[in-house]
C-alpha atoms as a PDB file:
ATOM      1  CA  MET A   1      96.425 162.823  73.458  1.00  0.00           C
ATOM      2  CA  SER A   2      94.506 162.512  76.722  1.00  0.00           C
ATOM      3  CA  THR A   3      92.638 165.131  78.681  1.00  0.00           C
ATOM      4  CA  THR A   4      92.553 165.151  82.465  1.00  0.00           C
ATOM      5  CA  HIS A   5      89.938 167.050  84.425  1.00  0.00           C
ATOM      6  CA  LEU A   6      91.740 168.573  87.335  1.00  0.00           C
ATOM      7  CA  HIS A   7      91.269 167.320  90.867  1.00  0.00           C
ATOM      8  CA  ARG A   8      92.756 170.426  92.420  1.00  0.00           C
ATOM      9  CA  ARG A   9      94.544 170.186  95.751  1.00  0.00           C
ATOM     10  CA  PRO A  10      93.841 173.259  97.929  1.00  0.00           C
ATOM     11  CA  ARG A  11      96.849 175.565  98.033  1.00  0.00           C
ATOM     12  CA  LEU A  12      95.884 179.210  98.195  1.00  0.00           C
ATOM     13  CA  SER A  13      93.300 180.934 100.291  1.00  0.00           C
ATOM     14  CA  ALA A  14      91.515 183.963  98.905  1.00  0.00           C
ATOM     15  CA  VAL A  15      93.742 186.130 101.086  1.00  0.00           C
ATOM     16  CA  ALA A  16      96.868 184.527  99.657  1.00  0.00           C
ATOM     17  CA  PHE A  17      95.645 185.067  96.098  1.00  0.00           C
ATOM     18  CA  GLY A  18      95.108 188.720  96.893  1.00  0.00           C
ATOM     19  CA  LEU A  19      98.678 188.977  98.113  1.00  0.00           C
ATOM     20  CA  ALA A  20      99.983 187.681  94.802  1.00  0.00           C
ATOM     21  CA  VAL A  21      99.843 191.157  93.325  1.00  0.00           C
ATOM     22  CA  VAL A  22     102.308 192.571  95.832  1.00  0.00           C
ATOM     23  CA  VAL A  23     105.913 192.988  94.773  1.00  0.00           C
ATOM     24  CA  GLY A  24     108.305 190.800  96.732  1.00  0.00           C
ATOM     25  CA  VAL A  25     105.786 189.429  99.242  1.00  0.00           C
ATOM     26  CA  CYS A  26     106.541 186.058 100.817  1.00  0.00           C
ATOM     27  CA  VAL A  27     103.269 184.262 101.615  1.00  0.00           C
ATOM     28  CA  VAL A  28     103.660 181.652 104.317  1.00  0.00           C
ATOM     29  CA  SER A  29     101.465 178.572 104.191  1.00  0.00           C
ATOM     30  CA  SER A  30      98.910 177.888 106.906  1.00  0.00           C
ATOM     31  CA  ARG A  31     101.091 174.859 107.614  1.00  0.00           C
ATOM     32  CA  SER A  32     103.720 177.097 109.197  1.00  0.00           C
ATOM     33  CA  ALA A  33     106.409 176.044 111.638  1.00  0.00           C
ATOM     34  CA  VAL A  34     105.170 174.533 114.854  1.00  0.00           C
ATOM     35  CA  GLY A  35     104.740 177.269 117.433  1.00  0.00           C
ATOM     36  CA  GLU A  36     104.643 180.119 114.907  1.00  0.00           C
ATOM     37  CA  ALA A  37     101.779 182.480 115.700  1.00  0.00           C
ATOM     38  CA  PRO A  38      99.563 182.857 112.596  1.00  0.00           C
ATOM     39  CA  GLY A  39      98.627 186.374 113.709  1.00  0.00           C
ATOM     40  CA  VAL A  40     102.267 187.474 113.459  1.00  0.00           C
ATOM     41  CA  LEU A  41     102.510 186.239 109.891  1.00  0.00           C
ATOM     42  CA  ASP A  42      99.145 187.760 108.959  1.00  0.00           C
ATOM     43  CA  ALA A  43     100.201 191.112 110.381  1.00  0.00           C
ATOM     44  CA  HIS A  44     103.434 191.027 108.369  1.00  0.00           C
ATOM     45  CA  ARG A  45     101.586 190.266 105.138  1.00  0.00           C
ATOM     46  CA  ASN A  46      98.938 192.923 105.755  1.00  0.00           C
ATOM     47  CA  ARG A  47     101.594 195.534 106.504  1.00  0.00           C
ATOM     48  CA  VAL A  48     103.438 194.803 103.266  1.00  0.00           C
ATOM     49  CA  VAL A  49     100.184 194.955 101.304  1.00  0.00           C
ATOM     50  CA  ALA A  50      99.478 198.392 102.764  1.00  0.00           C
ATOM     51  CA  GLU A  51     102.974 199.734 102.159  1.00  0.00           C
ATOM     52  CA  VAL A  52     103.846 198.461  98.667  1.00  0.00           C
ATOM     53  CA  PRO A  53     101.944 199.885  95.680  1.00  0.00           C
ATOM     54  CA  ALA A  54     100.988 197.339  93.014  1.00  0.00           C
ATOM     55  CA  GLY A  55     100.963 197.719  89.264  1.00  0.00           C
ATOM     56  CA  THR A  56     103.661 200.404  88.991  1.00  0.00           C
ATOM     57  CA  MET A  57     105.703 198.573  86.318  1.00  0.00           C
ATOM     58  CA  THR A  58     105.968 199.878  82.773  1.00  0.00           C
ATOM     59  CA  GLN A  59     104.335 197.257  80.559  1.00  0.00           C
ATOM     60  CA  VAL A  60     106.419 195.653  77.797  1.00  0.00           C
ATOM     61  CA  GLU A  61     105.413 192.638  75.727  1.00  0.00           C
ATOM     62  CA  ALA A  62     107.700 189.756  74.811  1.00  0.00           C
ATOM     63  CA  GLU A  63     108.195 188.923  71.146  1.00  0.00           C
ATOM     64  CA  ILE A  64     107.443 185.192  71.065  1.00  0.00           C
ATOM     65  CA  GLY A  65     106.096 184.736  67.556  1.00  0.00           C
ATOM     66  CA  GLN A  66     103.550 182.233  66.314  1.00  0.00           C
ATOM     67  CA  GLY A  67     103.702 178.455  66.209  1.00  0.00           C
ATOM     68  CA  PRO A  68     101.418 175.522  65.493  1.00  0.00           C
ATOM     69  CA  VAL A  69      97.993 175.606  67.136  1.00  0.00           C
ATOM     70  CA  LEU A  70      97.870 173.079  69.972  1.00  0.00           C
ATOM     71  CA  SER A  71      95.080 170.608  70.583  1.00  0.00           C
ATOM     72  CA  GLY A  72      94.903 171.956  74.093  1.00  0.00           C
ATOM     73  CA  PRO A  73      92.545 171.124  76.935  1.00  0.00           C
ATOM     74  CA  ALA A  74      89.254 172.741  77.819  1.00  0.00           C
ATOM     75  CA  PRO A  75      89.237 175.280  80.664  1.00  0.00           C
ATOM     76  CA  GLY A  76      89.547 173.549  84.020  1.00  0.00           C
ATOM     77  CA  SER A  77      91.457 170.565  82.657  1.00  0.00           C
ATOM     78  CA  SER A  78      94.894 169.498  81.429  1.00  0.00           C
ATOM     79  CA  THR A  79      96.279 167.415  78.588  1.00  0.00           C
ATOM     80  CA  THR A  80      99.575 166.277  77.096  1.00  0.00           C
ATOM     81  CA  VAL A  81     100.638 168.105  73.944  1.00  0.00           C
ATOM     82  CA  THR A  82     103.426 167.359  71.481  1.00  0.00           C
ATOM     83  CA  ILE A  83     105.405 169.797  69.331  1.00  0.00           C
ATOM     84  CA  ASP A  84     108.432 169.535  67.076  1.00  0.00           C
ATOM     85  CA  SER A  85     111.508 171.399  68.283  1.00  0.00           C
ATOM     86  CA  GLY A  86     114.926 171.135  66.685  1.00  0.00           C
ATOM     87  CA  GLY A  87     114.013 167.866  65.013  1.00  0.00           C
ATOM     88  CA  ARG A  88     112.862 166.259  68.247  1.00  0.00           C
ATOM     89  CA  SER A  89     109.324 165.432  69.267  1.00  0.00           C
ATOM     90  CA  ARG A  90     108.864 167.225  72.598  1.00  0.00           C
ATOM     91  CA  GLN A  91     106.034 166.919  75.101  1.00  0.00           C
ATOM     92  CA  ALA A  92     104.472 168.932  77.907  1.00  0.00           C
ATOM     93  CA  ILE A  93     101.315 168.945  80.002  1.00  0.00           C
ATOM     94  CA  VAL A  94      99.191 172.041  79.471  1.00  0.00           C
ATOM     95  CA  SER A  95      96.731 173.066  82.199  1.00  0.00           C
ATOM     96  CA  VAL A  96      94.168 175.794  81.493  1.00  0.00           C
ATOM     97  CA  PRO A  97      92.441 177.679  84.336  1.00  0.00           C
ATOM     98  CA  VAL A  98      88.762 177.022  84.797  1.00  0.00           C
ATOM     99  CA  ASP A  99      87.825 180.652  84.154  1.00  0.00           C
ATOM    100  CA  TYR A 100      89.897 181.088  80.983  1.00  0.00           C
ATOM    101  CA  SER A 101      88.185 183.190  78.319  1.00  0.00           C
ATOM    102  CA  PRO A 102      89.671 183.975  74.893  1.00  0.00           C
ATOM    103  CA  GLY A 103      88.577 187.574  75.426  1.00  0.00           C
ATOM    104  CA  SER A 104      90.957 188.111  78.371  1.00  0.00           C
ATOM    105  CA  PRO A 105      94.758 187.768  78.224  1.00  0.00           C
ATOM    106  CA  VAL A 106      96.098 185.124  80.604  1.00  0.00           C
ATOM    107  CA  PRO A 107      99.583 184.753  82.171  1.00  0.00           C
ATOM    108  CA  VAL A 108     101.752 181.726  81.396  1.00  0.00           C
ATOM    109  CA  LEU A 109     103.813 179.747  83.918  1.00  0.00           C
ATOM    110  CA  LEU A 110     106.287 177.184  82.564  1.00  0.00           C
ATOM    111  CA  ALA A 111     107.338 174.538  85.120  1.00  0.00           C
ATOM    112  CA  TYR A 112     110.456 172.372  84.775  1.00  0.00           C
ATOM    113  CA  PRO A 113     110.789 169.175  86.856  1.00  0.00           C
ATOM    114  CA  GLY A 114     114.032 167.869  88.303  1.00  0.00           C
ATOM    115  CA  TYR A 115     116.418 165.207  87.066  1.00  0.00           C
ATOM    116  CA  GLN A 116     114.679 161.835  86.670  1.00  0.00           C
ATOM    117  CA  GLN A 117     111.326 163.486  87.291  1.00  0.00           C
ATOM    118  CA  THR A 118     108.512 163.745  84.775  1.00  0.00           C
ATOM    119  CA  ALA A 119     106.095 166.513  83.918  1.00  0.00           C
ATOM    120  CA  SER A 120     103.229 164.502  85.412  1.00  0.00           C
ATOM    121  CA  GLU A 121     105.119 164.057  88.690  1.00  0.00           C
ATOM    122  CA  MET A 122     105.696 167.796  88.949  1.00  0.00           C
ATOM    123  CA  GLN A 123     102.040 168.432  88.233  1.00  0.00           C
ATOM    124  CA  LYS A 124     101.301 166.212  91.223  1.00  0.00           C
ATOM    125  CA  PHE A 125     103.747 167.594  93.800  1.00  0.00           C
ATOM    126  CA  ALA A 126     103.722 171.286  92.819  1.00  0.00           C
ATOM    127  CA  ALA A 127      99.955 171.463  92.217  1.00  0.00           C
ATOM    128  CA  LEU A 128     100.277 174.672  90.210  1.00  0.00           C
ATOM    129  CA  ASP A 129      97.029 174.011  88.328  1.00  0.00           C
ATOM    130  CA  ASP A 130      95.227 176.178  90.875  1.00  0.00           C
ATOM    131  CA  MET A 131      97.010 179.296  89.673  1.00  0.00           C
ATOM    132  CA  PRO A 132      95.151 181.806  87.460  1.00  0.00           C
ATOM    133  CA  ALA A 133      97.451 181.084  84.525  1.00  0.00           C
ATOM    134  CA  VAL A 134      98.036 178.639  81.706  1.00  0.00           C
ATOM    135  CA  VAL A 135     100.513 176.316  83.424  1.00  0.00           C
ATOM    136  CA  VAL A 136     102.777 174.165  81.263  1.00  0.00           C
ATOM    137  CA  TYR A 137     104.711 171.306  82.857  1.00  0.00           C
ATOM    138  CA  MET A 138     107.629 170.831  80.489  1.00  0.00           C
ATOM    139  CA  GLN A 139     109.134 167.390  79.844  1.00  0.00           C
ATOM    140  CA  GLY A 140     112.903 167.037  79.538  1.00  0.00           C
ATOM    141  CA  VAL A 141     114.652 164.656  77.150  1.00  0.00           C
ATOM    142  CA  GLN A 142     115.446 161.572  79.221  1.00  0.00           C
ATOM    143  CA  ASP A 143     114.134 163.514  82.225  1.00  0.00           C
ATOM    144  CA  ALA A 144     116.901 166.128  82.243  1.00  0.00           C
ATOM    145  CA  TRP A 145     117.579 169.718  81.171  1.00  0.00           C
ATOM    146  CA  GLU A 146     120.544 171.317  79.456  1.00  0.00           C
ATOM    147  CA  GLY A 147     123.260 172.803  81.599  1.00  0.00           C
ATOM    148  CA  ALA A 148     123.620 169.750  83.855  1.00  0.00           C
ATOM    149  CA  PRO A 149     126.469 167.210  83.405  1.00  0.00           C
ATOM    150  CA  TYR A 150     123.993 164.362  82.775  1.00  0.00           C
ATOM    151  CA  ALA A 151     121.856 166.242  80.206  1.00  0.00           C
ATOM    152  CA  VAL A 152     121.536 164.733  76.726  1.00  0.00           C
ATOM    153  CA  THR A 153     120.418 168.033  75.177  1.00  0.00           C
ATOM    154  CA  SER A 154     123.107 170.445  74.035  1.00  0.00           C
ATOM    155  CA  ASP A 155     123.448 174.112  74.964  1.00  0.00           C
ATOM    156  CA  GLY A 156     120.515 176.026  73.525  1.00  0.00           C
ATOM    157  CA  GLU A 157     118.347 173.018  72.684  1.00  0.00           C
ATOM    158  CA  ASP A 158     116.016 173.312  75.666  1.00  0.00           C
ATOM    159  CA  LEU A 159     116.028 177.092  75.299  1.00  0.00           C
ATOM    160  CA  GLN A 160     114.689 176.548  71.773  1.00  0.00           C
ATOM    161  CA  PHE A 161     112.083 174.081  73.063  1.00  0.00           C
ATOM    162  CA  THR A 162     110.954 176.803  75.451  1.00  0.00           C
ATOM    163  CA  ARG A 163     110.688 179.354  72.621  1.00  0.00           C
ATOM    164  CA  ASP A 164     108.808 176.894  70.409  1.00  0.00           C
ATOM    165  CA  MET A 165     106.340 176.061  73.177  1.00  0.00           C
ATOM    166  CA  LEU A 166     105.668 179.736  73.874  1.00  0.00           C
ATOM    167  CA  ALA A 167     105.069 180.369  70.163  1.00  0.00           C
ATOM    168  CA  ALA A 168     102.569 177.508  70.054  1.00  0.00           C
ATOM    169  CA  LEU A 169     100.826 178.769  73.182  1.00  0.00           C
ATOM    170  CA  ASN A 170     100.650 182.236  71.628  1.00  0.00           C
ATOM    171  CA  SER A 171      98.847 180.777  68.598  1.00  0.00           C
ATOM    172  CA  THR A 172      96.428 178.792  70.747  1.00  0.00           C
ATOM    173  CA  TYR A 173      95.507 181.075  73.664  1.00  0.00           C
ATOM    174  CA  ASN A 174      95.171 184.769  74.396  1.00  0.00           C
ATOM    175  CA  ILE A 175      98.533 185.087  76.142  1.00  0.00           C
ATOM    176  CA  ASP A 176      99.498 188.088  78.248  1.00  0.00           C
ATOM    177  CA  ARG A 177     102.979 188.512  76.777  1.00  0.00           C
ATOM    178  CA  SER A 178     104.012 190.832  79.583  1.00  0.00           C
ATOM    179  CA  ARG A 179     103.382 188.088  82.170  1.00  0.00           C
ATOM    180  CA  ILE A 180     105.371 185.021  81.136  1.00  0.00           C
ATOM    181  CA  TYR A 181     106.989 183.220  84.075  1.00  0.00           C
ATOM    182  CA  ALA A 182     109.084 180.121  84.807  1.00  0.00           C
ATOM    183  CA  THR A 183     109.777 177.909  87.792  1.00  0.00           C
ATOM    184  CA  GLY A 184     111.624 174.663  88.339  1.00  0.00           C
ATOM    185  CA  MET A 185     112.814 172.097  90.853  1.00  0.00           C
ATOM    186  CA  SER A 186     116.437 170.886  91.213  1.00  0.00           C
ATOM    187  CA  ASN A 187     117.819 170.397  87.651  1.00  0.00           C
ATOM    188  CA  GLY A 188     114.671 172.168  86.437  1.00  0.00           C
ATOM    189  CA  GLY A 189     115.359 174.992  88.877  1.00  0.00           C
ATOM    190  CA  GLY A 190     118.857 175.376  87.457  1.00  0.00           C
ATOM    191  CA  PHE A 191     117.411 175.529  83.950  1.00  0.00           C
ATOM    192  CA  ALA A 192     114.821 178.088  85.057  1.00  0.00           C
ATOM    193  CA  ALA A 193     117.734 180.237  86.258  1.00  0.00           C
ATOM    194  CA  LYS A 194     119.286 179.815  82.809  1.00  0.00           C
ATOM    195  CA  LEU A 195     116.092 181.252  81.328  1.00  0.00           C
ATOM    196  CA  ALA A 196     116.520 184.288  83.587  1.00  0.00           C
ATOM    197  CA  CYS A 197     120.124 184.514  82.389  1.00  0.00           C
ATOM    198  CA  ARG A 198     119.572 184.083  78.647  1.00  0.00           C
ATOM    199  CA  MET A 199     115.943 185.124  78.036  1.00  0.00           C
ATOM    200  CA  PRO A 200     115.112 188.098  80.292  1.00  0.00           C
ATOM    201  CA  ASP A 201     113.462 189.736  77.284  1.00  0.00           C
ATOM    202  CA  VAL A 202     110.763 187.034  77.522  1.00  0.00           C
ATOM    203  CA  PHE A 203     110.385 186.121  81.209  1.00  0.00           C
ATOM    204  CA  ALA A 204     109.040 188.743  83.599  1.00  0.00           C
ATOM    205  CA  ALA A 205     110.096 186.675  86.633  1.00  0.00           C
ATOM    206  CA  VAL A 206     111.644 183.306  87.432  1.00  0.00           C
ATOM    207  CA  ALA A 207     111.566 181.204  90.621  1.00  0.00           C
ATOM    208  CA  SER A 208     113.948 178.304  91.340  1.00  0.00           C
ATOM    209  CA  VAL A 209     113.399 175.713  94.077  1.00  0.00           C
ATOM    210  CA  SER A 210     116.172 173.443  95.437  1.00  0.00           C
ATOM    211  CA  ALA A 211     118.051 174.352  92.262  1.00  0.00           C
ATOM    212  CA  ALA A 212     121.219 172.754  90.907  1.00  0.00           C
ATOM    213  CA  TYR A 213     123.335 175.628  89.565  1.00  0.00           C
ATOM    214  CA  TYR A 214     125.915 173.793  87.461  1.00  0.00           C
ATOM    215  CA  PRO A 215     128.256 175.922  85.297  1.00  0.00           C
ATOM    216  CA  GLY A 216     126.127 175.223  82.218  1.00  0.00           C
ATOM    217  CA  THR A 217     123.182 177.057  83.780  1.00  0.00           C
ATOM    218  CA  GLY A 218     125.091 180.363  83.734  1.00  0.00           C
ATOM    219  CA  GLY A 219     127.437 182.160  81.393  1.00  0.00           C
ATOM    220  CA  ASP A 220     126.696 184.463  78.460  1.00  0.00           C
ATOM    221  CA  CYS A 221     124.006 186.119  80.554  1.00  0.00           C
ATOM    222  CA  VAL A 222     122.115 189.185  79.425  1.00  0.00           C
ATOM    223  CA  THR A 223     122.341 192.249  81.675  1.00  0.00           C
ATOM    224  CA  PRO A 224     120.064 193.243  83.277  1.00  0.00           C
ATOM    225  CA  SER A 225     118.474 189.897  84.064  1.00  0.00           C
ATOM    226  CA  THR A 226     114.903 189.513  85.291  1.00  0.00           C
ATOM    227  CA  SER A 227     113.192 189.343  88.691  1.00  0.00           C
ATOM    228  CA  PHE A 228     114.383 186.225  90.488  1.00  0.00           C
ATOM    229  CA  LEU A 229     113.372 184.148  93.521  1.00  0.00           C
ATOM    230  CA  ASP A 230     115.480 181.316  94.933  1.00  0.00           C
ATOM    231  CA  ILE A 231     114.150 178.904  97.586  1.00  0.00           C
ATOM    232  CA  HIS A 232     116.595 176.402  99.085  1.00  0.00           C
ATOM    233  CA  GLY A 233     116.719 174.205 102.160  1.00  0.00           C
ATOM    234  CA  VAL A 234     119.760 174.245 104.439  1.00  0.00           C
ATOM    235  CA  GLN A 235     119.319 170.504 105.131  1.00  0.00           C
ATOM    236  CA  ASP A 236     119.573 169.632 101.412  1.00  0.00           C
ATOM    237  CA  SER A 237     122.086 166.773 101.160  1.00  0.00           C
ATOM    238  CA  THR A 238     121.658 166.288  97.397  1.00  0.00           C
ATOM    239  CA  ILE A 239     122.326 169.825  96.182  1.00  0.00           C
ATOM    240  CA  ALA A 240     123.984 171.408  99.202  1.00  0.00           C
ATOM    241  CA  TYR A 241     122.901 174.888 100.221  1.00  0.00           C
ATOM    242  CA  GLU A 242     126.534 176.072 100.320  1.00  0.00           C
ATOM    243  CA  GLY A 243     127.403 174.545  96.940  1.00  0.00           C
ATOM    244  CA  GLY A 244     129.492 171.473  96.188  1.00  0.00           C
ATOM    245  CA  SER A 245     130.216 168.832  93.568  1.00  0.00           C
ATOM    246  CA  ARG A 246     128.034 166.166  91.975  1.00  0.00           C
ATOM    247  CA  HIS A 247     128.156 164.074  88.795  1.00  0.00           C
ATOM    248  CA  GLY A 248     131.760 165.194  88.290  1.00  0.00           C
ATOM    249  CA  GLU A 249     131.000 168.943  88.231  1.00  0.00           C
ATOM    250  CA  THR A 250     130.863 171.657  90.836  1.00  0.00           C
ATOM    251  CA  TYR A 251     127.675 173.599  91.404  1.00  0.00           C
ATOM    252  CA  GLN A 252     127.125 177.056  92.844  1.00  0.00           C
ATOM    253  CA  SER A 253     125.594 177.836  96.219  1.00  0.00           C
ATOM    254  CA  ALA A 254     122.013 179.047  96.369  1.00  0.00           C
ATOM    255  CA  ARG A 255     122.946 182.407  97.794  1.00  0.00           C
ATOM    256  CA  GLY A 256     125.885 182.760  95.417  1.00  0.00           C
ATOM    257  CA  ARG A 257     123.643 182.462  92.364  1.00  0.00           C
ATOM    258  CA  THR A 258     121.123 184.869  93.866  1.00  0.00           C
ATOM    259  CA  GLU A 259     123.867 187.415  94.513  1.00  0.00           C
ATOM    260  CA  GLU A 260     124.935 187.144  90.864  1.00  0.00           C
ATOM    261  CA  MET A 261     121.359 187.852  89.774  1.00  0.00           C
ATOM    262  CA  ALA A 262     121.230 190.860  92.084  1.00  0.00           C
ATOM    263  CA  GLU A 263     124.464 192.223  90.649  1.00  0.00           C
ATOM    264  CA  ARG A 264     123.207 191.895  87.060  1.00  0.00           C
ATOM    265  CA  ASP A 265     119.968 193.613  88.048  1.00  0.00           C
ATOM    266  CA  GLY A 266     121.841 196.544  89.560  1.00  0.00           C
ATOM    267  CA  CYS A 267     120.536 195.933  93.081  1.00  0.00           C
ATOM    268  CA  SER A 268     122.089 197.105  96.331  1.00  0.00           C
ATOM    269  CA  LEU A 269     125.029 194.990  97.481  1.00  0.00           C
ATOM    270  CA  ASP A 270     123.692 193.968 100.898  1.00  0.00           C
ATOM    271  CA  PRO A 271     120.312 192.260 101.245  1.00  0.00           C
ATOM    272  CA  VAL A 272     117.659 193.135 103.785  1.00  0.00           C
ATOM    273  CA  THR A 273     117.014 190.036 105.913  1.00  0.00           C
ATOM    274  CA  THR A 274     113.667 189.323 107.564  1.00  0.00           C
ATOM    275  CA  ALA A 275     112.611 186.405 109.777  1.00  0.00           C
ATOM    276  CA  LEU A 276     109.317 185.191 108.345  1.00  0.00           C
ATOM    277  CA  ALA A 277     109.024 182.102 110.532  1.00  0.00           C
ATOM    278  CA  ASP A 278     111.230 180.177 112.952  1.00  0.00           C
ATOM    279  CA  ASP A 279     112.757 178.291 110.026  1.00  0.00           C
ATOM    280  CA  VAL A 280     112.557 180.791 107.151  1.00  0.00           C
ATOM    281  CA  ARG A 281     114.785 183.777 106.460  1.00  0.00           C
ATOM    282  CA  ARG A 282     113.936 186.110 103.598  1.00  0.00           C
ATOM    283  CA  MET A 283     116.775 188.052 101.963  1.00  0.00           C
ATOM    284  CA  GLN A 284     115.876 190.776  99.483  1.00  0.00           C
ATOM    285  CA  TRP A 285     118.312 192.821  97.411  1.00  0.00           C
ATOM    286  CA  THR A 286     116.715 196.236  97.057  1.00  0.00           C
ATOM    287  CA  MET A 287     116.895 199.196  94.672  1.00  0.00           C
ATOM    288  CA  CYS A 288     117.158 196.987  91.577  1.00  0.00           C
ATOM    289  CA  SER A 289     116.835 198.501  88.117  1.00  0.00           C
ATOM    290  CA  GLY A 290     113.530 198.639  86.270  1.00  0.00           C
ATOM    291  CA  ASP A 291     111.259 197.521  89.134  1.00  0.00           C
ATOM    292  CA  ARG A 292     113.029 194.162  89.288  1.00  0.00           C
ATOM    293  CA  ASP A 293     113.200 192.158  92.513  1.00  0.00           C
ATOM    294  CA  VAL A 294     115.743 189.583  93.717  1.00  0.00           C
ATOM    295  CA  VAL A 295     114.834 187.454  96.743  1.00  0.00           C
ATOM    296  CA  HIS A 296     116.296 184.386  98.440  1.00  0.00           C
ATOM    297  CA  LEU A 297     114.414 182.244 100.969  1.00  0.00           C
ATOM    298  CA  ARG A 298     116.672 180.246 103.276  1.00  0.00           C
ATOM    299  CA  VAL A 299     114.655 177.323 104.660  1.00  0.00           C
ATOM    300  CA  GLU A 300     116.404 175.972 107.744  1.00  0.00           C
ATOM    301  CA  ASP A 301     114.414 172.725 108.006  1.00  0.00           C
ATOM    302  CA  GLY A 302     114.206 171.930 104.290  1.00  0.00           C
ATOM    303  CA  GLY A 303     115.855 169.081 102.375  1.00  0.00           C
ATOM    304  CA  HIS A 304     116.012 168.437  98.637  1.00  0.00           C
ATOM    305  CA  THR A 305     112.279 168.725  98.139  1.00  0.00           C
ATOM    306  CA  TRP A 306     109.541 171.155  97.140  1.00  0.00           C
ATOM    307  CA  PRO A 307     108.510 172.847 100.425  1.00  0.00           C
ATOM    308  CA  GLY A 308     104.890 172.171 101.269  1.00  0.00           C
ATOM    309  CA  ASP A 309     104.702 169.021  99.113  1.00  0.00           C
ATOM    310  CA  ASP A 310     102.354 166.706 100.985  1.00  0.00           C
ATOM    311  CA  THR A 311     102.504 163.965  98.308  1.00  0.00           C
ATOM    312  CA  GLY A 312     106.101 162.906  99.010  1.00  0.00           C
ATOM    313  CA  ALA A 313     106.825 162.900  95.268  1.00  0.00           C
ATOM    314  CA  SER A 314     109.314 165.758  95.019  1.00  0.00           C
ATOM    315  CA  GLY A 315     112.451 164.561  96.807  1.00  0.00           C
ATOM    316  CA  GLY A 316     115.038 161.821  96.676  1.00  0.00           C
ATOM    317  CA  ALA A 317     118.722 161.256  96.147  1.00  0.00           C
ATOM    318  CA  ASP A 318     118.501 161.792  92.394  1.00  0.00           C
ATOM    319  CA  GLY A 319     114.839 161.818  91.556  1.00  0.00           C
ATOM    320  CA  PRO A 320     111.337 161.196  92.896  1.00  0.00           C
ATOM    321  CA  ALA A 321     110.579 160.082  96.430  1.00  0.00           C
ATOM    322  CA  SER A 322     112.389 156.935  97.493  1.00  0.00           C
ATOM    323  CA  ASP A 323     113.996 155.390 100.552  1.00  0.00           C
ATOM    324  CA  ALA A 324     116.549 158.212 100.242  1.00  0.00           C
ATOM    325  CA  ALA A 325     113.916 160.937 100.240  1.00  0.00           C
ATOM    326  CA  GLU A 326     114.856 164.010 102.236  1.00  0.00           C
ATOM    327  CA  ALA A 327     112.852 166.026 104.729  1.00  0.00           C
ATOM    328  CA  THR A 328     110.137 168.287 103.361  1.00  0.00           C
ATOM    329  CA  SER A 329     109.668 171.642 105.057  1.00  0.00           C
ATOM    330  CA  PHE A 330     106.148 172.748 105.919  1.00  0.00           C
ATOM    331  CA  SER A 331     107.331 176.104 107.194  1.00  0.00           C
ATOM    332  CA  LEU A 332     106.176 177.502 103.858  1.00  0.00           C
ATOM    333  CA  ASP A 333     104.470 176.356 100.692  1.00  0.00           C
ATOM    334  CA  ALA A 334     106.719 176.718  97.652  1.00  0.00           C
ATOM    335  CA  SER A 335     103.818 176.823  95.182  1.00  0.00           C
ATOM    336  CA  THR A 336     102.280 179.744  97.045  1.00  0.00           C
ATOM    337  CA  GLU A 337     105.640 181.524  97.300  1.00  0.00           C
ATOM    338  CA  VAL A 338     106.415 181.042  93.621  1.00  0.00           C
ATOM    339  CA  TRP A 339     103.106 182.413  92.392  1.00  0.00           C
ATOM    340  CA  ALA A 340     103.038 185.294  94.875  1.00  0.00           C
ATOM    341  CA  PHE A 341     106.471 186.376  93.682  1.00  0.00           C
ATOM    342  CA  VAL A 342     106.248 185.937  89.929  1.00  0.00           C
ATOM    343  CA  SER A 343     102.698 187.220  89.500  1.00  0.00           C
ATOM    344  CA  ALA A 344     103.690 190.557  91.029  1.00  0.00           C
ATOM    345  CA  HIS A 345     105.855 191.302  87.989  1.00  0.00           C
ATOM    346  CA  ARG A 346     105.369 192.379  84.412  1.00  0.00           C
ATOM    347  CA  LEU A 347     108.121 192.333  81.838  1.00  0.00           C
ATOM    348  CA  ALA A 348     110.520 195.179  82.531  1.00  0.00           C
ATOM    349  CA  ALA A 349     111.674 197.604  79.855  1.00  0.00           C
ATOM    350  CA  ARG A 350     115.275 197.041  78.703  1.00  0.00           C
END
């Protein structure tokens, strides 16, 4: 086991952190599209903050049980931990916020990297360590997650790994069990959507980025689902925005999966569309049941990457950055968007 003291890459301003408590707010990075007036974006955010009341959700706590106590890191650092799950030795990187105190419950954000990506690579390109949460970068078996045609884990195996990790975290830290979240990139984004489908009694909100929605990431879903954010680039040539076929299986379009989530959450049929920047369109399905929110961000200039990633580590034809790496959008910052969305939600009553 090794402990890493975090060299945190700036992501969120104090203003952006304040916006994280607002339901459904899209926070646009300071690295917005060329020519976009920052004052226009600031005015939009301030108006939404003034109009949308925070903290109106009925609080419910997830039943996640107890597991082995982890040899976790000290506040302000991260370390690799190992647990047993289903007879396999599974690993993840746990990052604890610098101001963590056992006397105050803390949210949890589980992060799932893409196919052929590692937990440490996602920690680098997503830079979620800055968030006021225990962030866990989960490691897939042979760098893949169930539900994809190339996965080596069977249906339910990575779901169980997720449950086992949450139980261990619950034994180790003072977890706010009403504020458990998940996010993922590509194959990890598809698996995060599967968590929204199968485990909405645990996850208050889920955000998928450049996600691969193979058939194995849906099916047998619980209704209603949970609050859901999808971010996808129109220029994605690996997992096409409009859906397609890869590795011998078809995958669903980004908007198609979001519409399914909206239907399960009892939202209105037609989304409200807002232009947030020259290259970003926000679609929100309103009037969802139980204070849930369903939002899709269409990123016109984005490829198969994590928007806002300035490391170049998030995109490629089938894995990390390479000669085939696709364009990264800087019209928004996915890490900021993910946290602003998920942190606005507590677990909804069922």
